[in-house]
Amino acid sequence: MNDYDDIINLPHYEPRHHSRMPMWNRAAQFAPFAALTGYEAVIQETGRLTDEWVAPGEYGNDELNRKMALLLDRLPERPRVVIEYFQPDARKEGGAYKTCTGRVRLVDENERFLELQGGQKIPIDFISSMVIMEK
């Protein structure tokens, strides 16, 4: 006689007061436990690439200063410009180079930004190139 001979052939127990749990809910009990909440997001953020700011050289600064003076002279005309600028990343070191096109609304030399008609503000110190379009 073995240890379980007395119960081995009994029918499966069926509860009388409540129904059985559906198979889908039973499976959910054994789903993987997310012990490291946010870990996947941290890995993705670490792997996200950023560019480094490359300051224009002496020649590049002279060229940008010349274009900025021309832009200030033509500001009442609301000139159309194409600007490439560096936008620092809010979460990690580095950032991204962006290009925008629009009409210049104002240039604030004290706060060091340029504002386009759509409201976009571009920091003057991070402009890498600028093209002033002809009328």
N, C-alpha and C. Protein backbone atom coordinates (compact mmCIF):
# COMPACT_ATOMS: atom_id res chain seq x y z
N MET A 1 0.83 -1.18 0.00
CA MET A 1 0.00 0.00 0.00
C MET A 1 0.88 1.25 0.00
N ASN A 2 0.54 2.18 -0.94
CA ASN A 2 1.29 3.43 -1.06
C ASN A 2 0.62 4.53 -0.26
N ASP A 3 1.30 5.66 -0.14
CA ASP A 3 0.79 6.78 0.66
C ASP A 3 -0.52 7.35 0.14
N TYR A 4 -0.78 7.35 -1.15
CA TYR A 4 -1.94 8.03 -1.71
C TYR A 4 -2.96 7.08 -2.33
N ASP A 5 -2.91 5.85 -2.06
CA ASP A 5 -3.86 4.89 -2.63
C ASP A 5 -5.30 5.19 -2.22
N ASP A 6 -5.50 5.78 -1.07
CA ASP A 6 -6.87 6.02 -0.60
C ASP A 6 -7.55 7.19 -1.32
N ILE A 7 -6.78 8.10 -1.96
CA ILE A 7 -7.40 9.24 -2.63
C ILE A 7 -7.14 9.29 -4.13
N ILE A 8 -6.35 8.40 -4.65
CA ILE A 8 -5.92 8.46 -6.05
C ILE A 8 -7.08 8.34 -7.03
N ASN A 9 -8.12 7.63 -6.73
CA ASN A 9 -9.23 7.41 -7.66
C ASN A 9 -10.48 8.22 -7.32
N LEU A 10 -10.37 9.18 -6.41
CA LEU A 10 -11.52 10.03 -6.08
C LEU A 10 -11.78 11.02 -7.22
N PRO A 11 -13.05 11.45 -7.43
CA PRO A 11 -13.33 12.44 -8.48
C PRO A 11 -12.77 13.80 -8.09
N HIS A 12 -12.53 14.64 -9.12
CA HIS A 12 -11.98 15.98 -8.90
C HIS A 12 -12.97 16.82 -8.11
N TYR A 13 -12.49 17.60 -7.17
CA TYR A 13 -13.35 18.41 -6.32
C TYR A 13 -13.97 19.55 -7.12
N GLU A 14 -15.27 19.77 -6.99
CA GLU A 14 -16.00 20.88 -7.61
C GLU A 14 -16.62 21.70 -6.48
N PRO A 15 -16.30 23.00 -6.40
CA PRO A 15 -16.89 23.83 -5.34
C PRO A 15 -18.40 24.02 -5.55
N ARG A 16 -19.15 24.08 -4.46
CA ARG A 16 -20.60 24.20 -4.55
C ARG A 16 -21.06 25.66 -4.49
N HIS A 17 -20.32 26.54 -3.85
CA HIS A 17 -20.78 27.89 -3.57
C HIS A 17 -20.30 28.94 -4.57
N HIS A 18 -19.36 28.64 -5.40
CA HIS A 18 -18.90 29.61 -6.42
C HIS A 18 -18.41 28.85 -7.65
N SER A 19 -18.47 29.57 -8.78
CA SER A 19 -18.07 28.91 -10.03
C SER A 19 -16.55 28.88 -10.13
N ARG A 20 -16.09 28.04 -11.02
CA ARG A 20 -14.64 27.92 -11.22
C ARG A 20 -14.10 29.15 -11.92
N MET A 21 -12.87 29.49 -11.66
CA MET A 21 -12.22 30.62 -12.29
C MET A 21 -11.97 30.30 -13.77
N PRO A 22 -12.28 31.24 -14.68
CA PRO A 22 -12.01 30.99 -16.10
C PRO A 22 -10.52 30.76 -16.34
N MET A 23 -10.23 30.01 -17.37
CA MET A 23 -8.84 29.64 -17.68
C MET A 23 -7.97 30.89 -17.92
N TRP A 24 -8.56 31.92 -18.57
CA TRP A 24 -7.81 33.15 -18.86
C TRP A 24 -7.35 33.82 -17.56
N ASN A 25 -8.21 33.90 -16.57
CA ASN A 25 -7.84 34.51 -15.29
C ASN A 25 -6.83 33.67 -14.53
N ARG A 26 -6.95 32.37 -14.65
CA ARG A 26 -5.97 31.50 -13.99
C ARG A 26 -4.58 31.71 -14.57
N ALA A 27 -4.52 31.88 -15.90
CA ALA A 27 -3.23 32.08 -16.56
C ALA A 27 -2.60 33.41 -16.12
N ALA A 28 -3.43 34.43 -15.86
CA ALA A 28 -2.91 35.74 -15.45
C ALA A 28 -2.18 35.66 -14.12
N GLN A 29 -2.53 34.73 -13.29
CA GLN A 29 -1.85 34.58 -12.01
C GLN A 29 -0.39 34.23 -12.18
N PHE A 30 -0.08 33.59 -13.28
CA PHE A 30 1.28 33.11 -13.50
C PHE A 30 2.04 33.95 -14.52
N ALA A 31 1.51 35.16 -14.85
CA ALA A 31 2.20 36.06 -15.78
C ALA A 31 3.52 36.50 -15.16
N PRO A 32 4.48 36.91 -15.97
CA PRO A 32 5.77 37.34 -15.43
C PRO A 32 5.61 38.54 -14.49
N PHE A 33 6.34 38.54 -13.46
CA PHE A 33 6.31 39.62 -12.48
C PHE A 33 7.30 40.69 -12.91
N ALA A 34 6.85 41.95 -13.01
CA ALA A 34 7.72 43.05 -13.44
C ALA A 34 8.45 43.63 -12.23
N ALA A 35 9.47 42.96 -11.80
CA ALA A 35 10.21 43.40 -10.62
C ALA A 35 11.01 44.66 -10.89
N LEU A 36 11.43 44.84 -12.13
CA LEU A 36 12.25 46.01 -12.47
C LEU A 36 11.43 46.99 -13.30
N THR A 37 10.45 47.61 -12.70
CA THR A 37 9.60 48.57 -13.39
C THR A 37 10.45 49.74 -13.88
N GLY A 38 10.33 50.06 -15.17
CA GLY A 38 11.08 51.17 -15.76
C GLY A 38 12.44 50.79 -16.28
N TYR A 39 12.87 49.56 -16.06
CA TYR A 39 14.20 49.13 -16.50
C TYR A 39 14.34 49.22 -18.01
N GLU A 40 13.29 48.81 -18.73
CA GLU A 40 13.33 48.82 -20.20
C GLU A 40 13.48 50.25 -20.71
N ALA A 41 12.79 51.20 -20.08
CA ALA A 41 12.87 52.60 -20.49
C ALA A 41 14.27 53.16 -20.25
N VAL A 42 14.90 52.76 -19.16
CA VAL A 42 16.26 53.21 -18.86
C VAL A 42 17.23 52.68 -19.89
N ILE A 43 17.07 51.44 -20.27
CA ILE A 43 17.94 50.84 -21.29
C ILE A 43 17.78 51.56 -22.62
N GLN A 44 16.54 51.86 -23.01
CA GLN A 44 16.31 52.57 -24.27
C GLN A 44 16.89 53.98 -24.23
N GLU A 45 16.75 54.66 -23.10
CA GLU A 45 17.28 56.02 -22.96
C GLU A 45 18.81 56.01 -23.04
N THR A 46 19.43 55.02 -22.44
CA THR A 46 20.88 54.91 -22.49
C THR A 46 21.37 54.66 -23.91
N GLY A 47 20.62 53.88 -24.65
CA GLY A 47 21.02 53.56 -26.02
C GLY A 47 20.69 54.65 -27.04
N ARG A 48 19.90 55.65 -26.64
CA ARG A 48 19.54 56.72 -27.56
C ARG A 48 20.76 57.58 -27.85
N LEU A 49 21.02 57.82 -29.12
CA LEU A 49 22.21 58.57 -29.53
C LEU A 49 21.92 60.06 -29.57
N THR A 50 22.91 60.84 -29.18
CA THR A 50 22.83 62.30 -29.28
C THR A 50 24.07 62.79 -30.01
N ASP A 51 23.96 63.99 -30.55
CA ASP A 51 25.10 64.63 -31.21
C ASP A 51 25.79 65.56 -30.22
N GLU A 52 27.03 65.85 -30.49
CA GLU A 52 27.78 66.80 -29.67
C GLU A 52 27.74 68.16 -30.35
N TRP A 53 27.70 69.22 -29.56
CA TRP A 53 27.73 70.58 -30.09
C TRP A 53 29.13 70.88 -30.62
N VAL A 54 29.19 71.29 -31.87
CA VAL A 54 30.45 71.68 -32.48
C VAL A 54 30.36 73.18 -32.73
N ALA A 55 31.09 73.95 -31.95
CA ALA A 55 31.04 75.40 -32.08
C ALA A 55 31.70 75.81 -33.40
N PRO A 56 31.10 76.79 -34.10
CA PRO A 56 31.73 77.25 -35.34
C PRO A 56 33.08 77.88 -35.03
N GLY A 57 34.00 77.71 -35.93
CA GLY A 57 35.34 78.29 -35.74
C GLY A 57 35.29 79.80 -35.89
N GLU A 58 36.47 80.40 -35.92
CA GLU A 58 36.56 81.86 -36.04
C GLU A 58 35.90 82.35 -37.33
N TYR A 59 36.15 81.66 -38.43
CA TYR A 59 35.56 82.03 -39.71
C TYR A 59 34.04 81.87 -39.66
N GLY A 60 33.58 80.80 -39.04
CA GLY A 60 32.14 80.55 -38.92
C GLY A 60 31.46 81.61 -38.07
N ASN A 61 32.10 82.04 -36.99
CA ASN A 61 31.54 83.10 -36.15
C ASN A 61 31.46 84.42 -36.90
N ASP A 62 32.50 84.73 -37.66
CA ASP A 62 32.49 85.97 -38.46
C ASP A 62 31.35 85.93 -39.47
N GLU A 63 31.16 84.81 -40.11
CA GLU A 63 30.10 84.66 -41.12
C GLU A 63 28.72 84.79 -40.45
N LEU A 64 28.53 84.15 -39.31
CA LEU A 64 27.25 84.26 -38.60
C LEU A 64 26.99 85.69 -38.11
N ASN A 65 28.03 86.37 -37.64
CA ASN A 65 27.88 87.76 -37.20
C ASN A 65 27.49 88.66 -38.37
N ARG A 66 28.07 88.43 -39.54
CA ARG A 66 27.74 89.21 -40.73
C ARG A 66 26.29 88.97 -41.12
N LYS A 67 25.86 87.70 -41.11
CA LYS A 67 24.47 87.38 -41.46
C LYS A 67 23.49 87.93 -40.43
N MET A 68 23.87 87.92 -39.15
CA MET A 68 23.00 88.45 -38.11
C MET A 68 22.82 89.96 -38.28
N ALA A 69 23.91 90.66 -38.63
CA ALA A 69 23.81 92.11 -38.88
C ALA A 69 22.89 92.38 -40.07
N LEU A 70 23.01 91.59 -41.13
CA LEU A 70 22.14 91.73 -42.29
C LEU A 70 20.69 91.45 -41.92
N LEU A 71 20.48 90.44 -41.10
CA LEU A 71 19.14 90.09 -40.64
C LEU A 71 18.53 91.24 -39.83
N LEU A 72 19.31 91.84 -38.95
CA LEU A 72 18.82 92.95 -38.13
C LEU A 72 18.46 94.15 -39.01
N ASP A 73 19.23 94.40 -40.07
CA ASP A 73 18.91 95.48 -41.01
C ASP A 73 17.60 95.23 -41.73
N ARG A 74 17.34 93.97 -42.06
CA ARG A 74 16.14 93.61 -42.84
C ARG A 74 14.96 93.19 -41.95
N LEU A 75 15.09 93.29 -40.65
CA LEU A 75 14.05 92.81 -39.72
C LEU A 75 12.67 93.42 -39.98
N PRO A 76 12.54 94.71 -40.30
CA PRO A 76 11.19 95.24 -40.58
C PRO A 76 10.49 94.55 -41.75
N GLU A 77 11.25 93.95 -42.67
CA GLU A 77 10.68 93.25 -43.82
C GLU A 77 10.21 91.83 -43.45
N ARG A 78 10.53 91.39 -42.24
CA ARG A 78 10.25 90.02 -41.80
C ARG A 78 10.86 89.01 -42.79
N PRO A 79 12.18 88.99 -42.89
CA PRO A 79 12.82 88.11 -43.87
C PRO A 79 12.60 86.62 -43.56
N ARG A 80 12.56 85.85 -44.61
CA ARG A 80 12.43 84.39 -44.50
C ARG A 80 13.84 83.82 -44.38
N VAL A 81 14.04 82.94 -43.39
CA VAL A 81 15.36 82.37 -43.13
C VAL A 81 15.29 80.85 -43.03
N VAL A 82 16.41 80.23 -43.29
CA VAL A 82 16.60 78.80 -43.03
C VAL A 82 17.73 78.73 -42.02
N ILE A 83 17.44 78.18 -40.85
CA ILE A 83 18.41 78.16 -39.75
C ILE A 83 18.68 76.73 -39.33
N GLU A 84 19.96 76.41 -39.22
CA GLU A 84 20.35 75.14 -38.62
C GLU A 84 20.90 75.48 -37.24
N TYR A 85 20.38 74.80 -36.22
CA TYR A 85 20.79 75.10 -34.86
C TYR A 85 20.89 73.81 -34.05
N PHE A 86 21.57 73.92 -32.92
CA PHE A 86 21.76 72.78 -32.01
C PHE A 86 20.78 72.94 -30.86
N GLN A 87 20.04 71.86 -30.59
CA GLN A 87 19.11 71.86 -29.45
C GLN A 87 19.62 70.87 -28.41
N PRO A 88 20.06 71.37 -27.25
CA PRO A 88 20.56 70.47 -26.20
C PRO A 88 19.46 69.52 -25.72
N ASP A 89 19.86 68.31 -25.38
CA ASP A 89 18.93 67.30 -24.89
C ASP A 89 18.61 67.59 -23.43
N ALA A 90 17.35 67.42 -23.07
CA ALA A 90 16.92 67.70 -21.70
C ALA A 90 17.33 66.61 -20.72
N ARG A 91 17.60 65.40 -21.20
CA ARG A 91 17.85 64.26 -20.31
C ARG A 91 19.30 63.82 -20.21
N LYS A 92 20.06 64.05 -21.26
CA LYS A 92 21.43 63.57 -21.23
C LYS A 92 22.34 64.53 -21.96
N GLU A 93 23.62 64.28 -21.88
CA GLU A 93 24.61 65.14 -22.50
C GLU A 93 24.49 65.06 -24.02
N GLY A 94 24.67 66.19 -24.67
CA GLY A 94 24.57 66.23 -26.12
C GLY A 94 23.24 66.82 -26.53
N GLY A 95 22.82 66.52 -27.75
CA GLY A 95 21.56 67.05 -28.26
C GLY A 95 21.38 66.65 -29.70
N ALA A 96 20.69 67.50 -30.46
CA ALA A 96 20.42 67.20 -31.86
C ALA A 96 20.46 68.48 -32.68
N TYR A 97 20.91 68.35 -33.91
CA TYR A 97 20.89 69.47 -34.84
C TYR A 97 19.54 69.49 -35.53
N LYS A 98 18.93 70.67 -35.61
CA LYS A 98 17.63 70.82 -36.23
C LYS A 98 17.69 71.94 -37.26
N THR A 99 16.82 71.85 -38.24
CA THR A 99 16.71 72.88 -39.26
C THR A 99 15.28 73.38 -39.28
N CYS A 100 15.13 74.69 -39.33
CA CYS A 100 13.78 75.26 -39.41
C CYS A 100 13.78 76.39 -40.42
N THR A 101 12.63 76.62 -41.00
CA THR A 101 12.43 77.66 -41.99
C THR A 101 11.25 78.51 -41.55
N GLY A 102 11.38 79.81 -41.65
CA GLY A 102 10.27 80.68 -41.30
C GLY A 102 10.66 82.14 -41.41
N ARG A 103 9.70 82.99 -41.11
CA ARG A 103 9.92 84.43 -41.13
C ARG A 103 10.27 84.89 -39.72
N VAL A 104 11.29 85.74 -39.62
CA VAL A 104 11.77 86.21 -38.33
C VAL A 104 10.84 87.30 -37.82
N ARG A 105 10.35 87.11 -36.61
CA ARG A 105 9.46 88.09 -35.97
C ARG A 105 10.26 89.10 -35.16
N LEU A 106 11.21 88.59 -34.36
CA LEU A 106 12.04 89.49 -33.56
C LEU A 106 13.35 88.82 -33.21
N VAL A 107 14.33 89.68 -32.91
CA VAL A 107 15.63 89.22 -32.42
C VAL A 107 15.86 89.93 -31.10
N ASP A 108 15.97 89.17 -30.02
CA ASP A 108 16.23 89.72 -28.70
C ASP A 108 17.71 89.51 -28.39
N GLU A 109 18.46 90.60 -28.50
CA GLU A 109 19.91 90.50 -28.31
C GLU A 109 20.29 90.39 -26.83
N ASN A 110 19.42 90.88 -25.93
CA ASN A 110 19.71 90.76 -24.50
C ASN A 110 19.52 89.34 -24.02
N GLU A 111 18.39 88.72 -24.37
CA GLU A 111 18.10 87.35 -23.97
C GLU A 111 18.75 86.33 -24.91
N ARG A 112 19.30 86.80 -26.01
CA ARG A 112 20.05 86.00 -26.99
C ARG A 112 19.18 84.91 -27.63
N PHE A 113 18.02 85.31 -28.17
CA PHE A 113 17.22 84.37 -28.95
C PHE A 113 16.60 85.08 -30.13
N LEU A 114 16.22 84.28 -31.11
CA LEU A 114 15.58 84.74 -32.33
C LEU A 114 14.21 84.06 -32.37
N GLU A 115 13.16 84.82 -32.64
CA GLU A 115 11.82 84.24 -32.63
C GLU A 115 11.21 84.32 -34.02
N LEU A 116 10.66 83.19 -34.48
CA LEU A 116 9.99 83.13 -35.77
C LEU A 116 8.52 83.49 -35.60
N GLN A 117 7.83 83.76 -36.71
CA GLN A 117 6.43 84.16 -36.63
C GLN A 117 5.55 83.10 -35.98
N GLY A 118 5.87 81.85 -36.11
CA GLY A 118 5.08 80.79 -35.49
C GLY A 118 5.27 80.69 -33.98
N GLY A 119 6.19 81.48 -33.41
CA GLY A 119 6.43 81.46 -31.98
C GLY A 119 7.65 80.65 -31.57
N GLN A 120 8.29 79.99 -32.51
CA GLN A 120 9.46 79.16 -32.18
C GLN A 120 10.64 80.06 -31.83
N LYS A 121 11.26 79.78 -30.68
CA LYS A 121 12.41 80.55 -30.22
C LYS A 121 13.67 79.73 -30.43
N ILE A 122 14.67 80.37 -31.02
CA ILE A 122 15.94 79.70 -31.31
C ILE A 122 17.04 80.45 -30.59
N PRO A 123 17.82 79.78 -29.73
CA PRO A 123 18.93 80.46 -29.05
C PRO A 123 20.01 80.87 -30.04
N ILE A 124 20.38 82.13 -30.02
CA ILE A 124 21.38 82.65 -30.97
C ILE A 124 22.71 81.94 -30.81
N ASP A 125 23.08 81.61 -29.59
CA ASP A 125 24.40 81.00 -29.34
C ASP A 125 24.52 79.59 -29.91
N PHE A 126 23.40 78.95 -30.25
CA PHE A 126 23.45 77.59 -30.79
C PHE A 126 23.17 77.52 -32.29
N ILE A 127 23.12 78.68 -32.96
CA ILE A 127 22.92 78.67 -34.42
C ILE A 127 24.22 78.26 -35.07
N SER A 128 24.16 77.26 -35.95
CA SER A 128 25.38 76.83 -36.64
C SER A 128 25.45 77.37 -38.07
N SER A 129 24.28 77.60 -38.70
CA SER A 129 24.28 78.23 -40.02
C SER A 129 22.94 78.90 -40.25
N MET A 130 22.98 79.95 -41.11
CA MET A 130 21.77 80.70 -41.41
C MET A 130 21.81 81.15 -42.86
N VAL A 131 20.68 81.00 -43.54
CA VAL A 131 20.54 81.46 -44.91
C VAL A 131 19.36 82.42 -44.94
N ILE A 132 19.60 83.65 -45.37
CA ILE A 132 18.53 84.64 -45.50
C ILE A 132 18.03 84.56 -46.93
N MET A 133 16.75 84.25 -47.08
CA MET A 133 16.17 84.09 -48.41
C MET A 133 15.89 85.46 -49.02
N GLU A 134 16.04 85.52 -50.33
CA GLU A 134 15.71 86.76 -51.03
C GLU A 134 14.22 86.91 -51.14
N LYS A 135 13.75 88.10 -51.40
CA LYS A 135 12.32 88.39 -51.48
C LYS A 135 11.62 87.55 -52.48
